[in-house]
Protein backbone atom coordinates (compact mmCIF):
# COMPACT_ATOMS: atom_id res chain seq x y z
CA UNK A 1 -24.85 62.65 -45.82
CA UNK A 2 -26.77 65.28 -43.93
CA UNK A 3 -30.10 63.85 -42.84
CA UNK A 4 -33.42 64.78 -41.31
CA UNK A 5 -33.45 63.10 -37.91
CA UNK A 6 -35.98 60.32 -37.44
CA UNK A 7 -39.06 60.97 -35.40
CA UNK A 8 -39.73 58.91 -32.29
CA UNK A 9 -43.25 58.27 -33.62
CA UNK A 10 -44.66 57.40 -37.03
CA UNK A 11 -46.09 60.66 -38.33
CA UNK A 12 -48.93 61.15 -40.79
CA UNK A 13 -48.64 63.83 -43.49
CA UNK A 14 -51.27 66.03 -41.87
CA UNK A 15 -49.25 66.22 -38.64
CA UNK A 16 -46.11 67.10 -40.57
CA UNK A 17 -47.65 70.20 -42.11
CA UNK A 18 -46.85 72.47 -39.11
CA UNK A 19 -43.24 71.27 -39.32
CA UNK A 20 -43.24 72.04 -43.04
CA UNK A 21 -44.43 75.59 -42.38
CA UNK A 22 -41.67 76.11 -39.81
CA UNK A 23 -39.01 74.85 -42.18
CA UNK A 24 -40.26 77.05 -44.96
CA UNK A 25 -39.73 80.09 -42.75
CA UNK A 26 -35.98 79.33 -42.37
CA UNK A 27 -34.31 80.24 -45.67
CA UNK A 28 -30.89 78.80 -46.50
CA UNK A 29 -30.92 79.61 -50.21
CA UNK A 30 -30.65 82.48 -52.59
CA UNK A 31 -33.25 81.75 -55.23
CA UNK A 32 -33.10 83.17 -58.74
CA UNK A 33 -36.19 83.75 -60.84
CA UNK A 34 -38.17 80.49 -60.69
CA UNK A 35 -41.28 78.99 -62.16
CA UNK A 36 -43.18 75.73 -61.76
CA UNK A 37 -46.39 74.32 -63.23
CA UNK A 38 -47.79 71.22 -61.57
CA UNK A 39 -48.51 68.37 -64.04
CA UNK A 40 -51.91 66.71 -64.29
CA UNK A 41 -52.41 62.99 -63.84
CA UNK A 42 -51.62 61.47 -67.27
CA UNK A 43 -54.34 59.93 -69.42
CA UNK A 44 -53.15 56.47 -70.47
CA UNK A 45 -54.42 53.96 -73.03
CA UNK A 46 -52.58 50.65 -73.42
CA UNK A 47 -52.36 48.37 -76.47
CA UNK A 48 -51.03 44.97 -75.40
CA UNK A 49 -50.36 41.71 -77.20
CA UNK A 50 -50.97 39.92 -73.91
CA UNK A 51 -51.09 36.15 -74.21
CA UNK A 52 -47.83 35.97 -76.12
CA UNK A 53 -44.62 36.80 -74.29
CA UNK A 54 -45.38 36.58 -70.52
CA UNK A 55 -43.70 39.94 -70.00
CA UNK A 56 -46.95 41.70 -70.97
CA UNK A 57 -48.60 40.04 -68.01
CA UNK A 58 -45.66 41.12 -65.83
CA UNK A 59 -46.01 44.72 -67.02
CA UNK A 60 -49.76 44.76 -66.47
CA UNK A 61 -49.38 43.57 -62.87
CA UNK A 62 -47.03 46.49 -62.27
CA UNK A 63 -49.34 48.94 -64.04
CA UNK A 64 -52.28 47.91 -61.85
CA UNK A 65 -50.27 48.71 -58.71
CA UNK A 66 -49.67 52.16 -60.29
CA UNK A 67 -53.29 52.60 -61.38
CA UNK A 68 -53.71 55.55 -59.00
CA UNK A 69 -51.03 57.50 -60.88
CA UNK A 70 -52.88 57.54 -64.22
CA UNK A 71 -56.31 57.99 -65.70
CA UNK A 72 -56.40 54.58 -67.36
CA UNK A 73 -58.61 55.16 -70.39
CA UNK A 74 -58.28 51.77 -72.05
CA UNK A 75 -56.67 48.34 -71.83
CA UNK A 76 -56.85 47.03 -75.38
CA UNK A 77 -55.95 43.47 -76.36
CA UNK A 78 -54.21 43.44 -79.75
CA UNK A 79 -52.99 40.65 -82.02
CA UNK A 80 -50.54 38.24 -80.42
CA UNK A 81 -48.58 38.46 -83.69
CA UNK A 82 -46.02 35.64 -83.87
CA UNK A 83 -47.74 33.88 -80.97
CA UNK A 84 -51.07 33.62 -82.80
CA UNK A 85 -53.42 35.70 -84.94
CA UNK A 86 -55.94 36.23 -82.17
CA UNK A 87 -56.46 38.42 -79.10
CA UNK A 88 -56.75 37.50 -75.41
CA UNK A 89 -58.78 40.20 -73.61
CA UNK A 90 -59.77 37.62 -70.99
CA UNK A 91 -56.19 37.67 -69.69
CA UNK A 92 -56.54 41.37 -68.95
CA UNK A 93 -59.85 40.68 -67.20
CA UNK A 94 -58.26 37.96 -65.04
CA UNK A 95 -55.65 40.41 -63.78
CA UNK A 96 -58.30 43.05 -63.07
CA UNK A 97 -60.20 40.48 -61.00
CA UNK A 98 -57.03 39.90 -58.97
CA UNK A 99 -56.65 43.68 -58.66
CA UNK A 100 -60.20 43.77 -57.27
CA UNK A 101 -59.13 41.44 -54.45
CA UNK A 102 -56.34 43.83 -53.36
CA UNK A 103 -58.17 47.07 -54.18
CA UNK A 104 -59.26 47.76 -50.59
CA UNK A 105 -55.71 47.31 -49.35
CA UNK A 106 -54.20 49.52 -52.05
CA UNK A 107 -56.52 52.44 -51.39
CA UNK A 108 -55.50 52.53 -47.73
CA UNK A 109 -51.99 53.40 -48.88
CA UNK A 110 -52.68 55.96 -51.62
CA UNK A 111 -55.60 57.92 -53.02
CA UNK A 112 -56.88 57.63 -56.56
CA UNK A 113 -57.05 53.90 -57.25
CA UNK A 114 -59.86 53.31 -59.78
CA UNK A 115 -62.69 50.93 -59.02
CA UNK A 116 -62.10 47.50 -60.56
CA UNK A 117 -65.47 47.54 -62.34
CA UNK A 118 -64.53 50.81 -64.07
CA UNK A 119 -61.37 49.18 -65.41
CA UNK A 120 -63.33 46.20 -66.70
CA UNK A 121 -65.44 48.52 -68.86
CA UNK A 122 -62.24 49.79 -70.50
CA UNK A 123 -61.09 46.37 -71.74
CA UNK A 124 -61.54 46.15 -75.52
CA UNK A 125 -60.42 43.74 -78.21
CA UNK A 126 -58.68 44.41 -81.52
CA UNK A 127 -58.19 42.32 -84.65
CA UNK A 128 -56.25 39.07 -84.57
CA UNK A 129 -54.91 39.48 -88.10
CA UNK A 130 -52.47 42.42 -88.03
CA UNK A 131 -52.24 42.67 -91.82
CA UNK A 132 -55.72 44.15 -92.35
CA UNK A 133 -56.31 47.90 -92.44
CA UNK A 134 -58.85 50.25 -93.98
CA UNK A 135 -62.54 50.07 -94.93
CA UNK A 136 -64.42 47.41 -93.02
CA UNK A 137 -61.64 46.69 -90.53
CA UNK A 138 -62.71 48.86 -87.59
CA UNK A 139 -62.67 47.00 -84.28
CA UNK A 140 -63.90 47.51 -80.76
CA UNK A 141 -60.36 48.66 -79.90
CA UNK A 142 -59.88 51.09 -82.80
CA UNK A 143 -63.30 52.66 -82.20
CA UNK A 144 -62.46 53.03 -78.51
CA UNK A 145 -59.24 54.90 -79.34
CA UNK A 146 -61.27 57.37 -81.40
CA UNK A 147 -63.93 57.80 -78.72
CA UNK A 148 -61.40 58.43 -75.95
CA UNK A 149 -59.23 60.80 -78.00
CA UNK A 150 -62.24 62.87 -79.08
CA UNK A 151 -63.55 63.44 -75.57
CA UNK A 152 -63.65 67.11 -74.47
CA UNK A 153 -60.49 66.85 -72.38
CA UNK A 154 -57.58 69.23 -72.93
CA UNK A 155 -55.01 66.80 -71.56
CA UNK A 156 -53.06 64.65 -74.02
CA UNK A 157 -53.83 60.96 -74.40
CA UNK A 158 -50.74 58.77 -73.97
CA UNK A 159 -51.04 55.64 -76.09
CA UNK A 160 -48.68 52.99 -74.76
CA UNK A 161 -48.04 50.33 -77.40
CA UNK A 162 -46.69 47.05 -76.02
CA UNK A 163 -47.25 44.96 -79.16
CA UNK A 164 -48.48 45.96 -82.61
CA UNK A 165 -49.83 49.38 -83.53
CA UNK A 166 -52.51 48.20 -85.99
CA UNK A 167 -55.39 49.40 -83.82
CA UNK A 168 -53.96 52.93 -83.66
CA UNK A 169 -53.29 52.83 -87.41
CA UNK A 170 -56.90 51.80 -88.04
CA UNK A 171 -58.19 54.59 -85.80
CA UNK A 172 -56.08 57.16 -87.66
CA UNK A 173 -57.19 55.77 -91.03
CA UNK A 174 -60.85 55.97 -90.01
CA UNK A 175 -60.63 59.54 -88.71
CA UNK A 176 -58.84 60.66 -91.87
CA UNK A 177 -61.45 58.86 -94.01
CA UNK A 178 -64.51 60.25 -92.25
CA UNK A 179 -63.50 63.67 -90.92
CA UNK A 180 -62.34 66.96 -92.38
CA UNK A 181 -58.77 68.20 -91.99
CA UNK A 182 -59.58 70.31 -88.94
CA UNK A 183 -61.03 67.34 -87.06
CA UNK A 184 -58.14 65.10 -88.12
CA UNK A 185 -55.57 67.64 -86.93
CA UNK A 186 -57.39 68.03 -83.61
CA UNK A 187 -57.37 64.25 -83.19
CA UNK A 188 -53.65 63.99 -83.92
CA UNK A 189 -52.79 66.84 -81.55
CA UNK A 190 -54.48 65.00 -78.67
CA UNK A 191 -52.30 61.90 -79.02
CA UNK A 192 -48.84 61.04 -77.70
CA UNK A 193 -47.47 57.62 -78.66
CA UNK A 194 -44.82 55.51 -76.93
CA UNK A 195 -44.28 52.35 -78.99
CA UNK A 196 -42.04 49.49 -77.92
CA UNK A 197 -40.41 48.68 -81.28
CA UNK A 198 -42.53 48.43 -84.44
CA UNK A 199 -43.70 44.88 -84.02
CA UNK A 200 -46.25 44.74 -86.86
CA UNK A 201 -44.68 47.48 -89.04
CA UNK A 202 -47.75 49.73 -88.87
CA UNK A 203 -45.70 52.21 -86.86
CA UNK A 204 -43.69 53.03 -89.96
CA UNK A 205 -46.91 53.61 -91.91
CA UNK A 206 -48.25 55.84 -89.14
CA UNK A 207 -45.12 57.98 -89.10
CA UNK A 208 -45.05 58.38 -92.87
CA UNK A 209 -48.79 59.06 -93.14
CA UNK A 210 -49.04 61.37 -90.10
CA UNK A 211 -45.56 62.89 -89.64
CA UNK A 212 -46.88 65.54 -87.26
CA UNK A 213 -47.91 62.89 -84.70
CA UNK A 214 -45.87 62.85 -81.48
CA UNK A 215 -44.30 59.38 -81.67
CA UNK A 216 -41.63 57.79 -79.48
CA UNK A 217 -40.15 54.78 -81.26
CA UNK A 218 -38.26 52.89 -78.54
CA UNK A 219 -35.96 50.27 -79.98
CA UNK A 220 -35.73 51.81 -83.43
CA UNK A 221 -32.15 50.55 -83.90
CA UNK A 222 -33.53 47.01 -84.14
CA UNK A 223 -30.96 45.27 -81.94
CA UNK A 224 -31.18 44.41 -78.24
CA UNK A 225 -27.79 46.05 -77.58
CA UNK A 226 -29.16 49.53 -78.32
CA UNK A 227 -32.87 49.29 -77.46
CA UNK A 228 -33.57 51.44 -74.43
CA UNK A 229 -36.57 49.42 -73.20
CA UNK A 230 -34.28 46.41 -72.64
CA UNK A 231 -32.69 48.42 -69.85
CA UNK A 232 -35.71 47.33 -67.83
CA UNK A 233 -33.91 44.00 -67.37
CA UNK A 234 -30.47 44.30 -69.01
CA UNK A 235 -27.33 46.19 -67.88
CA UNK A 236 -27.10 47.71 -64.43
CA UNK A 237 -27.79 45.85 -61.19
CA UNK A 238 -29.56 42.64 -62.26
CA UNK A 239 -29.77 41.36 -58.69
CA UNK A 240 -33.04 43.32 -58.51
CA UNK A 241 -34.36 41.63 -61.65
CA UNK A 242 -33.73 37.92 -61.15
CA UNK A 243 -36.16 35.21 -60.13
CA UNK A 244 -35.07 35.25 -56.49
CA UNK A 245 -35.94 38.95 -56.24
CA UNK A 246 -39.28 38.41 -57.97
CA UNK A 247 -40.21 35.53 -55.69
CA UNK A 248 -39.34 37.47 -52.52
CA UNK A 249 -40.80 40.86 -53.44
CA UNK A 250 -43.67 40.18 -55.84
CA UNK A 251 -44.95 36.61 -55.83
CA UNK A 252 -44.55 35.12 -52.36
CA UNK A 253 -47.08 36.29 -49.77
CA UNK A 254 -48.03 39.40 -51.76
CA UNK A 255 -51.63 38.58 -52.50
CA UNK A 256 -53.54 37.30 -55.54
CA UNK A 257 -52.21 39.96 -57.92
CA UNK A 258 -48.58 39.16 -57.16
CA UNK A 259 -49.31 35.44 -57.47
CA UNK A 260 -50.23 36.02 -61.14
CA UNK A 261 -46.90 37.68 -61.95
CA UNK A 262 -45.00 35.21 -64.19
CA UNK A 263 -41.65 34.13 -62.75
CA UNK A 264 -40.04 34.53 -66.18
CA UNK A 265 -40.42 36.74 -69.24
CA UNK A 266 -39.91 35.34 -72.71
CA UNK A 267 -36.32 34.11 -72.80
CA UNK A 268 -35.53 35.85 -69.49
CA UNK A 269 -35.31 34.38 -66.00
CA UNK A 270 -37.13 36.75 -63.66
CA UNK A 271 -38.37 40.21 -64.63
CA UNK A 272 -38.38 41.15 -68.30
CA UNK A 273 -41.18 43.75 -68.55
CA UNK A 274 -39.87 45.19 -71.80
CA UNK A 275 -43.14 47.13 -72.12
CA UNK A 276 -43.08 48.80 -68.70
CA UNK A 277 -41.01 51.83 -69.88
CA UNK A 278 -43.91 52.67 -72.21
CA UNK A 279 -46.06 53.74 -69.24
CA UNK A 280 -43.46 54.66 -66.61
CA UNK A 281 -42.26 57.29 -69.09
CA UNK A 282 -45.40 59.33 -68.33
CA UNK A 283 -45.36 58.73 -64.55
CA UNK A 284 -45.28 61.99 -62.54
CA UNK A 285 -42.47 61.12 -60.14
CA UNK A 286 -40.55 64.40 -60.31
CA UNK A 287 -38.12 63.33 -63.04
CA UNK A 288 -40.01 63.87 -66.27
CA UNK A 289 -42.06 66.20 -68.31
CA UNK A 290 -43.01 63.60 -70.94
CA UNK A 291 -43.50 66.33 -73.53
CA UNK A 292 -39.68 66.52 -73.56
CA UNK A 293 -38.42 62.98 -74.21
CA UNK A 294 -34.81 64.16 -74.33
CA UNK A 295 -34.92 64.84 -70.59
CA UNK A 296 -34.89 61.18 -69.58
CA UNK A 297 -36.61 59.30 -66.76
CA UNK A 298 -37.76 55.84 -65.76
CA UNK A 299 -39.00 55.13 -69.31
CA UNK A 300 -35.74 56.11 -71.02
CA UNK A 301 -34.39 59.12 -72.90
CA UNK A 302 -34.98 59.97 -76.57
CA UNK A 303 -33.84 62.38 -79.28
CA UNK A 304 -35.78 63.35 -82.39
CA UNK A 305 -34.44 61.95 -85.65
CA UNK A 306 -34.74 63.38 -89.14
CA UNK A 307 -37.81 61.26 -89.92
CA UNK A 308 -39.74 62.80 -87.04
CA UNK A 309 -39.61 59.93 -84.56
CA UNK A 310 -38.18 60.25 -81.09
CA UNK A 311 -35.57 57.48 -80.98
CA UNK A 312 -33.35 55.98 -78.28
CA UNK A 313 -30.57 58.17 -76.89
CA UNK A 314 -27.60 56.91 -74.88
CA UNK A 315 -26.48 57.72 -71.34
CA UNK A 316 -22.92 57.47 -70.06
CA UNK A 317 -22.88 55.34 -66.93
CA UNK A 318 -19.99 53.58 -65.18
CA UNK A 319 -17.68 54.39 -68.06
CA UNK A 320 -19.85 53.09 -70.91
CA UNK A 321 -22.35 54.74 -73.23
CA UNK A 322 -25.48 52.69 -73.85
CA UNK A 323 -29.13 53.36 -74.75
CA UNK A 324 -30.20 50.76 -72.18
CA UNK A 325 -28.56 52.78 -69.40
CA UNK A 326 -31.31 55.41 -69.79
CA UNK A 327 -33.65 52.91 -68.12
CA UNK A 328 -31.37 50.60 -66.11
CA UNK A 329 -29.79 53.50 -64.20
CA UNK A 330 -33.15 53.90 -62.43
CA UNK A 331 -33.72 50.18 -61.67
CA UNK A 332 -32.87 50.32 -57.94
CA UNK A 333 -35.47 53.06 -57.54
CA UNK A 334 -38.31 51.65 -59.63
CA UNK A 335 -37.81 48.15 -58.25
CA UNK A 336 -37.88 49.36 -54.64
CA UNK A 337 -41.05 51.31 -55.37
CA UNK A 338 -42.65 48.28 -57.05
CA UNK A 339 -41.74 46.16 -54.03
CA UNK A 340 -43.38 48.71 -51.72
CA UNK A 341 -46.56 48.76 -53.83
CA UNK A 342 -46.66 44.97 -53.73
CA UNK A 343 -46.45 45.27 -49.94
CA UNK A 344 -49.50 47.54 -50.13
CA UNK A 345 -51.34 44.67 -51.85
CA UNK A 346 -51.03 42.36 -48.87
CA UNK A 347 -52.08 44.61 -46.01
CA UNK A 348 -54.28 47.62 -45.39
CA UNK A 349 -52.15 48.52 -42.36
CA UNK A 350 -50.10 51.59 -43.28
CA UNK A 351 -47.63 50.89 -40.50
CA UNK A 352 -46.71 47.59 -42.19
CA UNK A 353 -45.50 49.13 -45.45
CA UNK A 354 -43.36 51.99 -46.68
CA UNK A 355 -44.55 55.04 -48.63
CA UNK A 356 -42.56 57.45 -50.80
CA UNK A 357 -41.23 60.69 -49.32
CA UNK A 358 -42.09 64.10 -50.74
CA UNK A 359 -39.33 66.25 -52.24
CA UNK A 360 -39.69 69.99 -51.62
CA UNK A 361 -37.18 72.42 -53.13
CA UNK A 362 -37.07 76.15 -52.33
CA UNK A 363 -40.62 76.27 -50.95
CA UNK A 364 -41.96 74.40 -54.01
CA UNK A 365 -43.71 71.08 -53.25
CA UNK A 366 -45.03 68.69 -55.88
CA UNK A 367 -43.40 66.84 -58.76
CA UNK A 368 -43.19 69.49 -61.47
CA UNK A 369 -39.79 70.54 -62.84
CA UNK A 370 -38.42 73.73 -61.33
CA UNK A 371 -36.99 76.35 -63.68
CA UNK A 372 -34.41 78.74 -62.25
CA UNK A 373 -32.70 81.63 -64.00
CA UNK A 374 -29.40 82.94 -62.67
CA UNK A 375 -26.68 85.32 -63.76
CA UNK A 376 -23.22 83.99 -64.74
CA UNK A 377 -20.95 83.15 -61.81
CA UNK A 378 -23.82 83.54 -59.35
CA UNK A 379 -24.08 80.88 -56.65
CA UNK A 380 -27.53 79.45 -55.98
CA UNK A 381 -28.39 77.53 -52.84
CA UNK A 382 -31.01 74.82 -53.34
CA UNK A 383 -32.90 73.92 -50.19
CA UNK A 384 -34.59 70.53 -49.72
CA UNK A 385 -34.89 70.67 -45.92
CA UNK A 386 -38.67 70.94 -46.12
CA UNK A 387 -38.89 67.51 -47.75
CA UNK A 388 -40.87 65.13 -45.60
CA UNK A 389 -41.76 61.49 -45.19
CA UNK A 390 -45.31 60.26 -44.47
CA UNK A 391 -43.96 57.49 -42.22
CA UNK A 392 -41.62 59.73 -40.23
CA UNK A 393 -38.47 58.10 -41.60
CA UNK A 394 -35.07 59.74 -41.70
CA UNK A 395 -34.33 61.37 -45.06
CA UNK A 396 -31.06 61.74 -46.94
CA UNK A 397 -30.44 63.79 -50.07
CA UNK A 398 -28.25 63.57 -53.15
CA UNK A 399 -27.98 66.13 -55.97
CA UNK A 400 -26.35 65.41 -59.33
CA UNK A 401 -25.80 66.91 -62.77
CA UNK A 402 -27.63 65.01 -65.52
CA UNK A 403 -25.20 65.91 -68.25
CA UNK A 404 -26.82 63.93 -71.08
CA UNK A 405 -30.12 65.74 -70.56
CA UNK A 406 -28.45 69.16 -70.55
CA UNK A 407 -27.39 71.32 -73.48
CA UNK A 408 -24.48 72.62 -71.38
CA UNK A 409 -21.73 69.98 -71.43
CA UNK A 410 -18.94 71.69 -69.51
CA UNK A 411 -17.79 71.21 -65.91
CA UNK A 412 -20.16 71.94 -63.05
CA UNK A 413 -19.24 71.93 -59.38
CA UNK A 414 -21.88 71.02 -56.81
CA UNK A 415 -21.05 71.89 -53.21
CA UNK A 416 -22.68 69.80 -50.46
CA UNK A 417 -24.19 67.44 -53.03
CA UNK A 418 -25.00 64.93 -50.27
CA UNK A 419 -26.68 67.51 -48.08
CA UNK A 420 -30.23 68.82 -47.96
CA UNK A 421 -28.87 72.23 -48.99
CA UNK A 422 -26.75 72.22 -52.13
CA UNK A 423 -24.82 75.11 -53.72
CA UNK A 424 -24.25 75.43 -57.45
CA UNK A 425 -22.47 78.23 -59.30
CA UNK A 426 -23.82 79.13 -62.75
CA UNK A 427 -20.94 78.76 -65.24
CA UNK A 428 -20.37 81.75 -67.51
CA UNK A 429 -19.93 79.30 -70.40
CA UNK A 430 -23.53 78.10 -69.93
CA UNK A 431 -25.04 81.22 -71.51
CA UNK A 432 -27.99 80.23 -73.68
CA UNK A 433 -27.83 76.62 -72.48
CA UNK A 434 -29.67 74.48 -69.94
CA UNK A 435 -28.36 72.63 -66.90
CA UNK A 436 -30.44 69.77 -65.53
CA UNK A 437 -29.95 68.93 -61.87
CA UNK A 438 -31.61 65.94 -60.22
CA UNK A 439 -32.48 65.82 -56.53
CA UNK A 440 -32.97 62.41 -54.90
CA UNK A 441 -34.54 62.32 -51.45
CA UNK A 442 -34.44 58.81 -49.96
CA UNK A 443 -36.11 57.54 -46.81
CA UNK A 444 -34.80 54.93 -44.37
CA UNK A 445 -37.79 52.62 -44.67
CA UNK A 446 -37.92 49.05 -46.01
CA UNK A 447 -37.53 49.05 -48.93
CA UNK A 448 -35.96 52.52 -49.10
CA UNK A 449 -37.99 54.80 -51.37
CA UNK A 450 -36.83 57.85 -53.30
CA UNK A 451 -38.58 61.04 -54.37
CA UNK A 452 -37.14 63.04 -57.25
CA UNK A 453 -37.12 66.63 -58.39
CA UNK A 454 -35.65 68.11 -61.55
CA UNK A 455 -34.20 71.62 -61.44
CA UNK A 456 -33.42 73.30 -64.76
CA UNK A 457 -30.96 76.19 -64.63
CA UNK A 458 -30.54 78.78 -67.35
CA UNK A 459 -29.27 82.35 -67.69
């Protein structure tokens, strides 16, 4: 692979900017018409049946290390369902207290971590009995959903459902009961839902009652063999999921937050985290625009069915087609990044931990997808030489064709796919269709971290 040579010193981002400007002045590409719009930090509200399966606690530990990547609007404790008709908001509060003990370390490694006390104010409780809905059954949690969704903010509210959806159903019922159609439609348009299965069956009611609601129903097939969220811990390289990996990279000597990460999920030795795809789906890491679930990313890939849900799609990987592959294919990357963030928890010294590189393509920094238009048979050179690493590590690049995310399904040749400059020729047969290319820029730190960029070609 062609690589950026390592620096003899660890370099901060601000000292790399002159280098970036020099690189940007040396073109090695022929760029077609391009466009890019930088995404905003996602607004996120979580409904969790924490206190049941330990994997909710596992997922919440991970989410707190990613708290700088989201505007966390709510952490709502919902019914524990089969584990008990009650809620356990105190378990959320315990994890936030552990987060408070590592907060100063985390914010030395990345900007944007919310103050622990602000997170505590966003912990709300729902109803223990999931069967109740309608007049007289509003809860602290359902009222909070309404309050947050009705704030004067143009950005969508991602509701990440890890357990039952009763609290969202109650919020929708209440808005429909008390508001006119215009207000109800405005409320629905603000919301995006990612539900891990339909664990209390209110998801079905929501979809039938509000078919216009954007709703990702992960695990709709009802069996673990075709539920995408199980790719968090099934299929792929499970050596980065087992208890030995968890002990070494999360629990042992990684501070009070890591110490609270359960060694096992329900029925699973090591990491389960079946709910983690519900928030990583909206993470701005250069792979996704979450408004297009069929694109695929760390939270999976989804197609719209005839009932209006987005449901699990399958990816072909290592010769087999499987819905779980849409998550497990990314496990080496999201586990390495989790390990690095756990390293941030134990030290404020930036030189003692690794930080993700920045992928820059054709003068375009950031994480937003890049749209390129090109004429048939025209060769485009894609230039990632301006990518940089905040720690001064050597960078390598890999480009690949994400066929399952593309409407074009024919052959595509990539020249120099393991180089920082890649050449692709627009097939004549791709007229009217899209081609999704993925760039991976990986540093040489420990653990190695990867930045992504999606390039979408069309004619």
